[in-house]
C-alpha atoms as a PDB file:
ATOM      1  CA  MET A   1     223.925 182.199 289.315  1.00  0.00           C
ATOM      2  CA  LEU A   2     226.544 184.492 287.842  1.00  0.00           C
ATOM      3  CA  GLY A   3     225.698 187.203 290.342  1.00  0.00           C
ATOM      4  CA  ASN A   4     227.857 185.723 293.106  1.00  0.00           C
ATOM      5  CA  PHE A   5     231.053 185.480 291.152  1.00  0.00           C
ATOM      6  CA  SER A   6     231.058 187.452 287.907  1.00  0.00           C
ATOM      7  CA  TYR A   7     232.260 190.684 289.516  1.00  0.00           C
ATOM      8  CA  PHE A   8     235.840 189.506 289.426  1.00  0.00           C
ATOM      9  CA  ALA A   9     235.654 188.393 285.838  1.00  0.00           C
ATOM     10  CA  LEU A  10     235.173 191.425 283.624  1.00  0.00           C
ATOM     11  CA  LYS A  11     238.349 193.375 284.133  1.00  0.00           C
ATOM     12  CA  PHE A  12     239.614 194.678 280.924  1.00  0.00           C
ATOM     13  CA  GLY A  13     239.000 197.847 278.999  1.00  0.00           C
ATOM     14  CA  VAL A  14     236.554 197.126 276.182  1.00  0.00           C
ATOM     15  CA  PHE A  15     235.480 199.350 273.472  1.00  0.00           C
ATOM     16  CA  ARG A  16     232.268 199.725 271.529  1.00  0.00           C
ATOM     17  CA  ILE A  17     228.608 200.775 271.465  1.00  0.00           C
ATOM     18  CA  LEU A  18     225.594 199.428 269.606  1.00  0.00           C
ATOM     19  CA  LYS A  19     225.307 202.285 267.117  1.00  0.00           C
ATOM     20  CA  VAL A  20     228.529 201.112 265.441  1.00  0.00           C
ATOM     21  CA  GLU A  21     227.917 197.403 265.959  1.00  0.00           C
ATOM     22  CA  LEU A  22     227.204 196.769 262.278  1.00  0.00           C
ATOM     23  CA  ILE A  23     230.402 198.574 261.291  1.00  0.00           C
ATOM     24  CA  PHE A  24     232.447 196.375 263.615  1.00  0.00           C
ATOM     25  CA  ILE A  25     230.752 193.182 262.417  1.00  0.00           C
ATOM     26  CA  LYS A  26     231.468 194.129 258.817  1.00  0.00           C
ATOM     27  CA  THR A  27     235.098 194.702 259.758  1.00  0.00           C
ATOM     28  CA  LEU A  28     235.254 191.224 261.276  1.00  0.00           C
ATOM     29  CA  GLN A  29     233.789 189.759 258.110  1.00  0.00           C
ATOM     30  CA  LYS A  30     236.364 191.345 255.825  1.00  0.00           C
ATOM     31  CA  ALA A  31     239.179 188.853 256.119  1.00  0.00           C
ATOM     32  CA  HIS A  32     242.842 189.400 255.358  1.00  0.00           C
ATOM     33  CA  SER A  33     244.778 189.272 252.142  1.00  0.00           C
ATOM     34  CA  THR A  34     244.159 189.716 248.474  1.00  0.00           C
ATOM     35  CA  PRO A  35     241.329 188.092 246.482  1.00  0.00           C
ATOM     36  CA  HIS A  36     243.382 185.037 245.590  1.00  0.00           C
ATOM     37  CA  ILE A  37     244.746 184.312 249.079  1.00  0.00           C
ATOM     38  CA  ALA A  38     242.574 183.464 252.078  1.00  0.00           C
ATOM     39  CA  MET A  39     243.450 184.382 255.652  1.00  0.00           C
ATOM     40  CA  THR A  40     242.161 182.934 258.899  1.00  0.00           C
ATOM     41  CA  VAL A  41     239.909 185.053 261.082  1.00  0.00           C
ATOM     42  CA  VAL A  42     239.878 184.084 264.769  1.00  0.00           C
ATOM     43  CA  TYR A  43     236.894 185.031 266.906  1.00  0.00           C
ATOM     44  CA  PRO A  44     236.666 185.084 270.725  1.00  0.00           C
ATOM     45  CA  ARG A  45     234.959 182.045 272.205  1.00  0.00           C
ATOM     46  CA  LYS A  46     232.083 182.086 274.651  1.00  0.00           C
ATOM     47  CA  LEU A  47     232.674 181.364 278.304  1.00  0.00           C
ATOM     48  CA  GLN A  48     232.197 177.661 279.058  1.00  0.00           C
ATOM     49  CA  SER A  49     230.526 177.395 282.476  1.00  0.00           C
ATOM     50  CA  SER A  50     228.880 174.717 284.581  1.00  0.00           C
ATOM     51  CA  ILE A  51     225.519 175.888 283.205  1.00  0.00           C
ATOM     52  CA  GLY A  52     226.636 175.901 279.579  1.00  0.00           C
ATOM     53  CA  ALA A  53     228.177 178.399 277.165  1.00  0.00           C
ATOM     54  CA  LEU A  54     227.603 182.025 278.166  1.00  0.00           C
ATOM     55  CA  SER A  55     227.718 184.903 275.720  1.00  0.00           C
ATOM     56  CA  ALA A  56     228.860 188.402 276.627  1.00  0.00           C
ATOM     57  CA  ARG A  57     225.222 189.469 276.820  1.00  0.00           C
ATOM     58  CA  ASP A  58     224.450 186.611 279.207  1.00  0.00           C
ATOM     59  CA  VAL A  59     227.227 187.738 281.531  1.00  0.00           C
ATOM     60  CA  LEU A  60     226.558 191.482 281.387  1.00  0.00           C
ATOM     61  CA  LYS A  61     222.841 191.005 281.982  1.00  0.00           C
ATOM     62  CA  GLN A  62     223.750 189.570 285.375  1.00  0.00           C
ATOM     63  CA  VAL A  63     226.433 192.153 286.069  1.00  0.00           C
ATOM     64  CA  VAL A  64     224.288 195.261 285.595  1.00  0.00           C
ATOM     65  CA  GLY A  65     221.601 193.761 287.829  1.00  0.00           C
ATOM     66  CA  ASP A  66     223.839 193.984 290.892  1.00  0.00           C
ATOM     67  CA  ARG A  67     225.243 197.431 291.663  1.00  0.00           C
ATOM     68  CA  GLU A  68     228.251 196.183 293.658  1.00  0.00           C
ATOM     69  CA  ILE A  69     229.296 193.847 290.865  1.00  0.00           C
ATOM     70  CA  HIS A  70     228.580 196.512 288.254  1.00  0.00           C
ATOM     71  CA  MET A  71     230.763 199.114 289.961  1.00  0.00           C
ATOM     72  CA  ILE A  72     233.633 196.648 290.387  1.00  0.00           C
ATOM     73  CA  THR A  73     233.359 195.839 286.686  1.00  0.00           C
ATOM     74  CA  LEU A  74     233.573 199.528 285.788  1.00  0.00           C
ATOM     75  CA  ASN A  75     236.598 199.867 288.030  1.00  0.00           C
ATOM     76  CA  ARG A  76     238.200 197.000 286.136  1.00  0.00           C
ATOM     77  CA  TYR A  77     237.655 198.924 282.916  1.00  0.00           C
ATOM     78  CA  ARG A  78     239.368 201.900 284.511  1.00  0.00           C
ATOM     79  CA  TYR A  79     242.236 199.770 285.775  1.00  0.00           C
ATOM     80  CA  SER A  80     242.724 198.197 282.370  1.00  0.00           C
ATOM     81  CA  GLU A  81     242.797 201.532 280.558  1.00  0.00           C
ATOM     82  CA  GLN A  82     245.310 202.843 283.070  1.00  0.00           C
ATOM     83  CA  ARG A  83     247.490 199.743 282.828  1.00  0.00           C
ATOM     84  CA  SER A  84     247.380 199.835 279.027  1.00  0.00           C
ATOM     85  CA  CYS A  85     249.193 203.181 279.097  1.00  0.00           C
ATOM     86  CA  LYS A  86     252.112 201.568 280.909  1.00  0.00           C
ATOM     87  CA  ASP A  87     252.237 198.465 278.711  1.00  0.00           C
ATOM     88  CA  LEU A  88     252.006 200.422 275.454  1.00  0.00           C
ATOM     89  CA  THR A  89     254.710 202.816 276.652  1.00  0.00           C
ATOM     90  CA  ASP A  90     256.975 199.832 277.342  1.00  0.00           C
ATOM     91  CA  LEU A  91     256.337 198.638 273.783  1.00  0.00           C
ATOM     92  CA  VAL A  92     257.225 202.036 272.318  1.00  0.00           C
ATOM     93  CA  GLU A  93     260.488 201.989 274.236  1.00  0.00           C
ATOM     94  CA  GLN A  94     261.304 198.513 272.945  1.00  0.00           C
ATOM     95  CA  LEU A  95     260.667 199.601 269.366  1.00  0.00           C
ATOM     96  CA  ASP A  96     263.224 202.375 269.890  1.00  0.00           C
ATOM     97  CA  GLY A  97     261.839 204.652 267.193  1.00  0.00           C
ATOM     98  CA  THR A  98     261.364 202.124 264.384  1.00  0.00           C
ATOM     99  CA  PRO A  99     259.188 201.837 262.483  1.00  0.00           C
ATOM    100  CA  PRO A 100     258.278 205.500 263.117  1.00  0.00           C
ATOM    101  CA  THR A 101     254.757 205.167 261.714  1.00  0.00           C
ATOM    102  CA  LEU A 102     253.972 202.413 264.206  1.00  0.00           C
ATOM    103  CA  VAL A 103     255.420 204.458 267.054  1.00  0.00           C
ATOM    104  CA  LYS A 104     253.104 207.281 265.951  1.00  0.00           C
ATOM    105  CA  GLU A 105     250.054 204.971 266.042  1.00  0.00           C
ATOM    106  CA  LEU A 106     251.019 203.645 269.474  1.00  0.00           C
ATOM    107  CA  SER A 107     251.569 207.149 270.845  1.00  0.00           C
ATOM    108  CA  ARG A 108     248.056 208.124 269.809  1.00  0.00           C
ATOM    109  CA  HIS A 109     246.787 204.892 271.319  1.00  0.00           C
ATOM    110  CA  ILE A 110     248.445 205.730 274.649  1.00  0.00           C
ATOM    111  CA  SER A 111     246.895 209.195 274.608  1.00  0.00           C
ATOM    112  CA  ASP A 112     243.451 207.674 274.026  1.00  0.00           C
ATOM    113  CA  GLU A 113     243.831 205.140 276.821  1.00  0.00           C
ATOM    114  CA  ALA A 114     244.922 207.820 279.292  1.00  0.00           C
ATOM    115  CA  ARG A 115     241.861 209.885 278.419  1.00  0.00           C
ATOM    116  CA  HIS A 116     239.579 206.871 278.849  1.00  0.00           C
ATOM    117  CA  ALA A 117     241.095 206.120 282.251  1.00  0.00           C
ATOM    118  CA  MET A 118     240.443 209.744 283.226  1.00  0.00           C
ATOM    119  CA  TRP A 119     236.802 209.585 282.121  1.00  0.00           C
ATOM    120  CA  LEU A 120     236.196 206.341 283.987  1.00  0.00           C
ATOM    121  CA  THR A 121     237.960 207.636 287.087  1.00  0.00           C
ATOM    122  CA  ASP A 122     235.815 210.785 287.055  1.00  0.00           C
ATOM    123  CA  LEU A 123     232.694 208.644 286.667  1.00  0.00           C
ATOM    124  CA  LEU A 124     233.525 206.329 289.561  1.00  0.00           C
ATOM    125  CA  VAL A 125     234.546 209.134 291.899  1.00  0.00           C
ATOM    126  CA  ASP A 126     231.339 211.011 291.093  1.00  0.00           C
ATOM    127  CA  LEU A 127     229.381 207.838 291.901  1.00  0.00           C
ATOM    128  CA  GLY A 128     231.238 207.402 295.178  1.00  0.00           C
ATOM    129  CA  VAL A 129     232.946 204.179 294.092  1.00  0.00           C
ATOM    130  CA  SER A 130     236.460 202.994 294.954  1.00  0.00           C
ATOM    131  CA  VAL A 131     239.157 203.516 292.342  1.00  0.00           C
ATOM    132  CA  GLY A 132     241.639 201.222 294.054  1.00  0.00           C
ATOM    133  CA  THR A 133     243.005 198.033 292.543  1.00  0.00           C
ATOM    134  CA  PRO A 134     239.996 195.813 291.742  1.00  0.00           C
ATOM    135  CA  PRO A 135     239.607 192.542 293.682  1.00  0.00           C
ATOM    136  CA  GLY A 136     239.910 189.099 292.164  1.00  0.00           C
ATOM    137  CA  SER A 137     242.052 187.497 289.482  1.00  0.00           C
ATOM    138  CA  SER A 138     243.633 189.905 287.029  1.00  0.00           C
ATOM    139  CA  TYR A 139     243.035 189.310 283.334  1.00  0.00           C
ATOM    140  CA  ILE A 140     245.894 191.629 282.463  1.00  0.00           C
ATOM    141  CA  GLN A 141     248.418 189.910 284.718  1.00  0.00           C
ATOM    142  CA  GLU A 142     247.399 186.449 283.524  1.00  0.00           C
ATOM    143  CA  PHE A 143     247.617 187.551 279.906  1.00  0.00           C
ATOM    144  CA  GLU A 144     251.137 188.884 280.464  1.00  0.00           C
ATOM    145  CA  ARG A 145     252.164 185.745 282.346  1.00  0.00           C
ATOM    146  CA  LEU A 146     251.138 183.602 279.396  1.00  0.00           C
ATOM    147  CA  LEU A 147     252.901 185.741 276.786  1.00  0.00           C
ATOM    148  CA  ASP A 148     256.022 184.140 275.326  1.00  0.00           C
ATOM    149  CA  HIS A 149     258.340 187.116 275.834  1.00  0.00           C
ATOM    150  CA  GLU A 150     261.394 184.869 275.662  1.00  0.00           C
ATOM    151  CA  ASN A 151     260.613 184.015 272.037  1.00  0.00           C
ATOM    152  CA  ASN A 152     259.950 187.564 270.832  1.00  0.00           C
ATOM    153  CA  LEU A 153     262.886 189.908 271.213  1.00  0.00           C
ATOM    154  CA  PRO A 154     263.043 193.098 269.113  1.00  0.00           C
ATOM    155  CA  ASP A 155     266.807 192.893 268.678  1.00  0.00           C
ATOM    156  CA  GLU A 156     266.651 189.411 267.126  1.00  0.00           C
ATOM    157  CA  ASP A 157     263.831 189.766 264.580  1.00  0.00           C
ATOM    158  CA  LYS A 158     262.107 193.145 264.471  1.00  0.00           C
ATOM    159  CA  ASP A 159     259.355 192.132 262.064  1.00  0.00           C
ATOM    160  CA  SER A 160     258.415 189.077 264.129  1.00  0.00           C
ATOM    161  CA  PHE A 161     258.374 191.223 267.261  1.00  0.00           C
ATOM    162  CA  VAL A 162     256.092 193.755 265.590  1.00  0.00           C
ATOM    163  CA  ILE A 163     253.725 191.043 264.343  1.00  0.00           C
ATOM    164  CA  SER A 164     253.524 189.426 267.771  1.00  0.00           C
ATOM    165  CA  SER A 165     252.921 192.758 269.503  1.00  0.00           C
ATOM    166  CA  LEU A 166     250.197 193.763 267.050  1.00  0.00           C
ATOM    167  CA  ALA A 167     248.460 190.383 267.287  1.00  0.00           C
ATOM    168  CA  ALA A 168     248.489 190.507 271.088  1.00  0.00           C
ATOM    169  CA  ILE A 169     246.965 194.004 271.145  1.00  0.00           C
ATOM    170  CA  ASN A 170     244.404 193.197 268.459  1.00  0.00           C
ATOM    171  CA  VAL A 171     243.001 190.059 270.079  1.00  0.00           C
ATOM    172  CA  THR A 172     242.326 191.817 273.382  1.00  0.00           C
ATOM    173  CA  GLU A 173     240.596 194.649 271.540  1.00  0.00           C
ATOM    174  CA  LYS A 174     238.291 192.126 269.866  1.00  0.00           C
ATOM    175  CA  ARG A 175     237.235 190.653 273.184  1.00  0.00           C
ATOM    176  CA  GLY A 176     236.794 194.133 274.553  1.00  0.00           C
ATOM    177  CA  CYS A 177     234.525 195.180 271.713  1.00  0.00           C
ATOM    178  CA  GLU A 178     232.315 192.174 272.299  1.00  0.00           C
ATOM    179  CA  TYR A 179     231.924 192.907 276.005  1.00  0.00           C
ATOM    180  CA  PHE A 180     231.417 196.644 275.846  1.00  0.00           C
ATOM    181  CA  SER A 181     228.767 196.157 273.212  1.00  0.00           C
ATOM    182  CA  ALA A 182     227.015 193.718 275.532  1.00  0.00           C
ATOM    183  CA  HIS A 183     227.404 196.169 278.406  1.00  0.00           C
ATOM    184  CA  ILE A 184     225.683 198.948 276.480  1.00  0.00           C
ATOM    185  CA  TYR A 185     222.903 196.593 275.431  1.00  0.00           C
ATOM    186  CA  ALA A 186     222.361 195.501 279.027  1.00  0.00           C
ATOM    187  CA  LEU A 187     222.273 199.098 280.258  1.00  0.00           C
ATOM    188  CA  LYS A 188     219.653 199.998 277.696  1.00  0.00           C
ATOM    189  CA  GLN A 189     217.373 197.312 279.089  1.00  0.00           C
ATOM    190  CA  LEU A 190     217.405 198.981 282.523  1.00  0.00           C
ATOM    191  CA  PRO A 191     215.331 201.944 283.723  1.00  0.00           C
ATOM    192  CA  GLN A 192     217.230 205.017 282.556  1.00  0.00           C
ATOM    193  CA  THR A 193     218.189 206.479 285.916  1.00  0.00           C
ATOM    194  CA  ASP A 194     220.785 209.234 286.207  1.00  0.00           C
ATOM    195  CA  GLU A 195     223.446 206.680 287.170  1.00  0.00           C
ATOM    196  CA  THR A 196     222.636 204.315 284.318  1.00  0.00           C
ATOM    197  CA  VAL A 197     222.726 207.157 281.794  1.00  0.00           C
ATOM    198  CA  LYS A 198     226.069 208.433 283.139  1.00  0.00           C
ATOM    199  CA  VAL A 199     227.635 204.989 282.822  1.00  0.00           C
ATOM    200  CA  ARG A 200     226.271 204.403 279.342  1.00  0.00           C
ATOM    201  CA  GLU A 201     227.321 207.831 278.064  1.00  0.00           C
ATOM    202  CA  THR A 202     230.841 207.361 279.432  1.00  0.00           C
ATOM    203  CA  ILE A 203     231.271 204.087 277.567  1.00  0.00           C
ATOM    204  CA  GLU A 204     229.785 205.646 274.444  1.00  0.00           C
ATOM    205  CA  ARG A 205     232.386 208.411 274.593  1.00  0.00           C
ATOM    206  CA  ILE A 206     235.157 205.828 274.681  1.00  0.00           C
ATOM    207  CA  LEU A 207     233.959 203.664 271.812  1.00  0.00           C
ATOM    208  CA  PRO A 208     234.813 205.662 268.671  1.00  0.00           C
ATOM    209  CA  GLU A 209     238.464 205.898 269.650  1.00  0.00           C
ATOM    210  CA  GLU A 210     238.652 202.239 270.618  1.00  0.00           C
ATOM    211  CA  ALA A 211     237.090 201.203 267.319  1.00  0.00           C
ATOM    212  CA  GLY A 212     239.921 203.131 265.708  1.00  0.00           C
ATOM    213  CA  HIS A 213     242.437 201.053 267.659  1.00  0.00           C
ATOM    214  CA  VAL A 214     240.966 197.884 266.169  1.00  0.00           C
ATOM    215  CA  ARG A 215     241.133 199.336 262.655  1.00  0.00           C
ATOM    216  CA  TRP A 216     244.730 200.472 262.799  1.00  0.00           C
ATOM    217  CA  GLY A 217     245.776 197.121 264.243  1.00  0.00           C
ATOM    218  CA  ASN A 218     243.980 195.298 261.435  1.00  0.00           C
ATOM    219  CA  ARG A 219     245.630 197.530 258.869  1.00  0.00           C
ATOM    220  CA  TRP A 220     249.107 196.942 260.245  1.00  0.00           C
ATOM    221  CA  LEU A 221     248.680 193.168 260.432  1.00  0.00           C
ATOM    222  CA  ALA A 222     247.502 193.130 256.825  1.00  0.00           C
ATOM    223  CA  GLN A 223     250.474 195.250 255.747  1.00  0.00           C
ATOM    224  CA  MET A 224     252.906 192.950 257.523  1.00  0.00           C
ATOM    225  CA  ALA A 225     251.272 189.897 255.916  1.00  0.00           C
ATOM    226  CA  ASP A 226     251.639 191.436 252.457  1.00  0.00           C
ATOM    227  CA  LYS A 227     255.430 191.702 252.769  1.00  0.00           C
ATOM    228  CA  SER A 228     256.086 188.082 251.819  1.00  0.00           C
ATOM    229  CA  PRO A 229     254.666 184.557 252.115  1.00  0.00           C
ATOM    230  CA  GLU A 230     256.872 184.076 255.172  1.00  0.00           C
ATOM    231  CA  HIS A 231     255.424 187.184 256.796  1.00  0.00           C
ATOM    232  CA  ARG A 232     251.916 186.012 255.970  1.00  0.00           C
ATOM    233  CA  GLN A 233     252.543 182.725 257.747  1.00  0.00           C
ATOM    234  CA  LYS A 234     253.954 184.570 260.770  1.00  0.00           C
ATOM    235  CA  VAL A 235     250.813 186.687 260.977  1.00  0.00           C
ATOM    236  CA  GLU A 236     248.604 183.585 260.747  1.00  0.00           C
ATOM    237  CA  THR A 237     250.575 181.826 263.492  1.00  0.00           C
ATOM    238  CA  ALA A 238     250.627 184.883 265.743  1.00  0.00           C
ATOM    239  CA  LYS A 239     246.867 185.350 265.456  1.00  0.00           C
ATOM    240  CA  GLN A 240     246.239 181.739 266.465  1.00  0.00           C
ATOM    241  CA  LYS A 241     248.734 181.854 269.329  1.00  0.00           C
ATOM    242  CA  TYR A 242     247.566 185.097 270.892  1.00  0.00           C
ATOM    243  CA  ALA A 243     243.929 184.124 270.484  1.00  0.00           C
ATOM    244  CA  ALA A 244     244.724 181.013 272.545  1.00  0.00           C
ATOM    245  CA  ILE A 245     246.574 183.122 275.141  1.00  0.00           C
ATOM    246  CA  GLU A 246     243.734 185.625 275.377  1.00  0.00           C
ATOM    247  CA  GLN A 247     241.133 182.865 275.745  1.00  0.00           C
ATOM    248  CA  ALA A 248     243.133 181.282 278.557  1.00  0.00           C
ATOM    249  CA  ALA A 249     243.508 184.602 280.368  1.00  0.00           C
ATOM    250  CA  PHE A 250     239.821 185.388 279.897  1.00  0.00           C
ATOM    251  CA  GLU A 251     238.639 182.043 281.265  1.00  0.00           C
ATOM    252  CA  SER A 252     241.093 182.106 284.165  1.00  0.00           C
ATOM    253  CA  GLY A 253     239.356 185.180 285.520  1.00  0.00           C
ATOM    254  CA  MET A 254     235.863 183.840 284.931  1.00  0.00           C
ATOM    255  CA  ASP A 255     236.326 180.288 286.250  1.00  0.00           C
ATOM    256  CA  ILE A 256     236.743 179.735 289.993  1.00  0.00           C
ATOM    257  CA  THR A 257     234.855 176.457 290.142  1.00  0.00           C
ATOM    258  CA  LEU A 258     236.238 173.103 291.196  1.00  0.00           C
ATOM    259  CA  GLY A 259     238.729 171.727 288.683  1.00  0.00           C
ATOM    260  CA  ALA A 260     239.695 175.144 287.327  1.00  0.00           C
ATOM    261  CA  GLU A 261     243.387 174.379 287.845  1.00  0.00           C
ATOM    262  CA  LEU A 262     243.245 171.430 285.459  1.00  0.00           C
ATOM    263  CA  ARG A 263     241.301 173.426 282.898  1.00  0.00           C
ATOM    264  CA  ARG A 264     244.034 176.080 283.079  1.00  0.00           C
ATOM    265  CA  VAL A 265     246.601 173.374 282.337  1.00  0.00           C
ATOM    266  CA  GLY A 266     244.528 172.358 279.324  1.00  0.00           C
ATOM    267  CA  SER A 267     244.535 175.946 278.101  1.00  0.00           C
ATOM    268  CA  LEU A 268     248.287 176.130 278.614  1.00  0.00           C
ATOM    269  CA  LEU A 269     248.705 173.073 276.397  1.00  0.00           C
ATOM    270  CA  ASP A 270     246.499 174.696 273.765  1.00  0.00           C
ATOM    271  CA  ILE A 271     248.859 177.682 273.733  1.00  0.00           C
ATOM    272  CA  ALA A 272     251.954 175.498 273.537  1.00  0.00           C
ATOM    273  CA  ASN A 273     250.487 173.638 270.583  1.00  0.00           C
ATOM    274  CA  THR A 274     250.530 176.872 268.547  1.00  0.00           C
ATOM    275  CA  MET A 275     254.319 177.107 268.961  1.00  0.00           C
ATOM    276  CA  PRO A 276     257.195 175.331 267.192  1.00  0.00           C
ATOM    277  CA  LEU A 277     258.089 172.021 268.822  1.00  0.00           C
ATOM    278  CA  TRP A 278     261.438 173.266 270.134  1.00  0.00           C
ATOM    279  CA  GLN A 279     259.811 176.171 272.010  1.00  0.00           C
ATOM    280  CA  ARG A 280     257.163 174.148 273.782  1.00  0.00           C
ATOM    281  CA  PRO A 281     259.220 172.464 276.567  1.00  0.00           C
ATOM    282  CA  GLN A 282     260.655 175.733 277.907  1.00  0.00           C
ATOM    283  CA  TYR A 283     257.320 177.505 277.680  1.00  0.00           C
ATOM    284  CA  LEU A 284     255.518 174.755 279.607  1.00  0.00           C
ATOM    285  CA  MET A 285     258.245 174.264 282.215  1.00  0.00           C
ATOM    286  CA  GLU A 286     258.295 177.962 283.098  1.00  0.00           C
ATOM    287  CA  ARG A 287     254.513 178.304 283.441  1.00  0.00           C
ATOM    288  CA  LEU A 288     253.191 174.925 284.534  1.00  0.00           C
ATOM    289  CA  PRO A 289     253.995 175.188 288.294  1.00  0.00           C
ATOM    290  CA  GLN A 290     252.139 178.482 288.758  1.00  0.00           C
ATOM    291  CA  THR A 291     249.296 177.253 286.577  1.00  0.00           C
ATOM    292  CA  LEU A 292     248.792 174.218 288.816  1.00  0.00           C
ATOM    293  CA  LEU A 293     249.218 176.064 292.113  1.00  0.00           C
ATOM    294  CA  ALA A 294     247.220 179.094 290.904  1.00  0.00           C
ATOM    295  CA  PRO A 295     247.627 181.312 293.999  1.00  0.00           C
ATOM    296  CA  ASP A 296     245.465 184.020 292.414  1.00  0.00           C
ATOM    297  CA  LEU A 297     242.683 181.485 291.943  1.00  0.00           C
ATOM    298  CA  GLN A 298     242.799 180.418 295.585  1.00  0.00           C
ATOM    299  CA  ARG A 299     242.641 184.043 296.751  1.00  0.00           C
ATOM    300  CA  SER A 300     239.707 184.727 294.448  1.00  0.00           C
ATOM    301  CA  ARG A 301     237.830 181.688 295.731  1.00  0.00           C
ATOM    302  CA  VAL A 302     238.230 182.773 299.343  1.00  0.00           C
ATOM    303  CA  ASP A 303     237.318 186.393 298.598  1.00  0.00           C
ATOM    304  CA  ILE A 304     234.231 185.521 296.558  1.00  0.00           C
ATOM    305  CA  ALA A 305     233.045 182.881 299.042  1.00  0.00           C
ATOM    306  CA  GLN A 306     233.326 185.387 301.876  1.00  0.00           C
ATOM    307  CA  ARG A 307     231.415 188.026 299.963  1.00  0.00           C
ATOM    308  CA  ALA A 308     228.710 185.576 298.936  1.00  0.00           C
ATOM    309  CA  TRP A 309     228.276 184.329 302.514  1.00  0.00           C
ATOM    310  CA  GLN A 310     228.145 187.833 303.985  1.00  0.00           C
ATOM    311  CA  ARG A 311     225.545 188.979 301.483  1.00  0.00           C
ATOM    312  CA  ASP A 312     223.172 186.013 301.761  1.00  0.00           C
ATOM    313  CA  PRO A 313     224.059 182.785 303.633  1.00  0.00           C
ATOM    314  CA  GLN A 314     221.055 180.986 302.200  1.00  0.00           C
ATOM    315  CA  ALA A 315     221.937 181.903 298.628  1.00  0.00           C
ATOM    316  CA  PHE A 316     225.514 180.854 299.370  1.00  0.00           C
ATOM    317  CA  MET A 317     224.371 177.319 300.160  1.00  0.00           C
ATOM    318  CA  GLU A 318     221.707 177.121 297.478  1.00  0.00           C
ATOM    319  CA  ARG A 319     223.547 178.778 294.593  1.00  0.00           C
ATOM    320  CA  PHE A 320     227.254 179.371 295.225  1.00  0.00           C
ATOM    321  CA  VAL A 321     228.145 175.890 296.496  1.00  0.00           C
ATOM    322  CA  PRO A 322     226.361 174.048 293.640  1.00  0.00           C
ATOM    323  CA  MET A 323     227.979 176.441 291.168  1.00  0.00           C
ATOM    324  CA  PHE A 324     231.422 175.740 292.644  1.00  0.00           C
ATOM    325  CA  LEU A 325     230.948 171.968 292.590  1.00  0.00           C
ATOM    326  CA  GLY A 326     229.461 172.179 289.100  1.00  0.00           C
ATOM    327  CA  GLY A 327     232.939 172.854 287.760  1.00  0.00           C
ATOM    328  CA  LEU A 328     233.530 169.114 287.792  1.00  0.00           C
ATOM    329  CA  ASN A 329     230.932 168.729 285.058  1.00  0.00           C
ATOM    330  CA  ARG A 330     232.534 171.211 282.712  1.00  0.00           C
ATOM    331  CA  LYS A 331     234.001 170.055 279.437  1.00  0.00           C
ATOM    332  CA  GLN A 332     237.174 171.597 278.081  1.00  0.00           C
ATOM    333  CA  THR A 333     236.694 173.247 274.706  1.00  0.00           C
ATOM    334  CA  THR A 334     240.041 173.297 272.979  1.00  0.00           C
ATOM    335  CA  GLN A 335     239.299 174.031 269.353  1.00  0.00           C
ATOM    336  CA  MET A 336     239.781 177.648 268.354  1.00  0.00           C
ATOM    337  CA  PRO A 337     236.878 178.871 266.208  1.00  0.00           C
ATOM    338  CA  THR A 338     238.135 180.151 262.904  1.00  0.00           C
ATOM    339  CA  ARG A 339     236.698 181.303 259.653  1.00  0.00           C
ATOM    340  CA  THR A 340     238.516 181.547 256.368  1.00  0.00           C
ATOM    341  CA  LYS A 341     237.445 184.126 253.842  1.00  0.00           C
ATOM    342  CA  ALA A 342     238.852 186.150 250.993  1.00  0.00           C
ATOM    343  CA  LYS A 343     238.846 189.935 251.009  1.00  0.00           C
ATOM    344  CA  LYS A 344     239.225 192.770 248.566  1.00  0.00           C
ATOM    345  CA  ALA A 345     242.756 194.029 248.192  1.00  0.00           C
ATOM    346  CA  ASP A 346     241.929 197.525 249.367  1.00  0.00           C
ATOM    347  CA  LYS A 347     240.194 196.374 252.596  1.00  0.00           C
ATOM    348  CA  VAL A 348     241.616 195.471 255.994  1.00  0.00           C
ATOM    349  CA  GLY A 349     240.511 192.397 257.957  1.00  0.00           C
ATOM    350  CA  VAL A 350     240.722 191.306 261.576  1.00  0.00           C
END
C-alpha cells in the first residue's frame, strides 16, 4: 500500500548504519544531566497511517522494493544534504563568530554535509537518475515554515538562540538516524546486486560523520543545560518544542490522505502548546491559513494520483483510492513520547 505514495515522503538526509546501531541506542539511553537531576529524552514517533502505526523499517521495506520510489528517496537524501549546507551557513552568519567553539563545530558540520551531497550526487549520476529537485512535499521547507524564528533572535538572547538552534538540528538528526538505519537493513534483505551494494556502501560512508553530528549536538545541549537551572529549563522546553515541529513536518510529507489538512492543524496546535501563552496567538495566526489551504499537499495529491494511475490503473482503484479515503479513519496522536532518566555526569545524552 505504501508503494504508491511513499516516494514523496522520505526526503531528508539521515545518518547511520547497522554496525553502529548499538552505539547510537546506548547514546539515546544516556539521558541528560548529573546523577541527581533527571532530563527528558524525546524520541521520534512512528508514522500514524490508515493501516496503523508504521515504523521506519515498515516504510523502507516498501521503498526499496520499487526502484522509482527508491531513487527518488535517494535524491531526497542528496537534496537534504545540499540544503543543509545553506541552512547551517546561515546559522554561522547569525552567530557572528560567537561562541567560536560552536562556529568551529558548525563549520565542520557544513564540510561533512557538502561531502555527503557530493557522494550522493555521484551515486545518482552513475545510476542514471535525476538530481533535480525531488517531487512532492518538502520536509525541509515544512520544518522551516513551522520554526518560530520570530521568537528566537540572536541579538536579543544569544544563549536561547543557541539552545533553539541546537535542539532543532539535533531532533532532525535523530529522525535521520532512525531512517537510514532502516534503509540499510532493508537493503541487506535484497539480493546484493551491483546497484544495491553501491547504494548501501554510499550510505555507510556517510554514517560515521553523521553519528558525530548527533554526539556534538548532544554534548552542546548538555553543556548549555549545566549553566544554570534556567538554562536547563530552556533546553527541556526547546527539546519538546522542536520534537513537535519535526513530527509535524515529518507527517506532513507522509500523509496525503483525506483529512490531512485537519491533522496538520492538530499538529500545529501541539507545537503552539509547547510555547508560552503570549507567543501562541501570533504563531498560530501566521501559520494557520497556509496549514489549512496546504497548497503543497494539493500538488502532491495530484502528482501522486497521476503517477499511480499511469503505472497501474487497476492498482489505482484497488489500492490508492481506498488508501486515500482511509485517512478519515486515522486518529490523531498528540502525546509526545518521552522518557526520563538520570545519567552519569561525564556522559552526554540526547
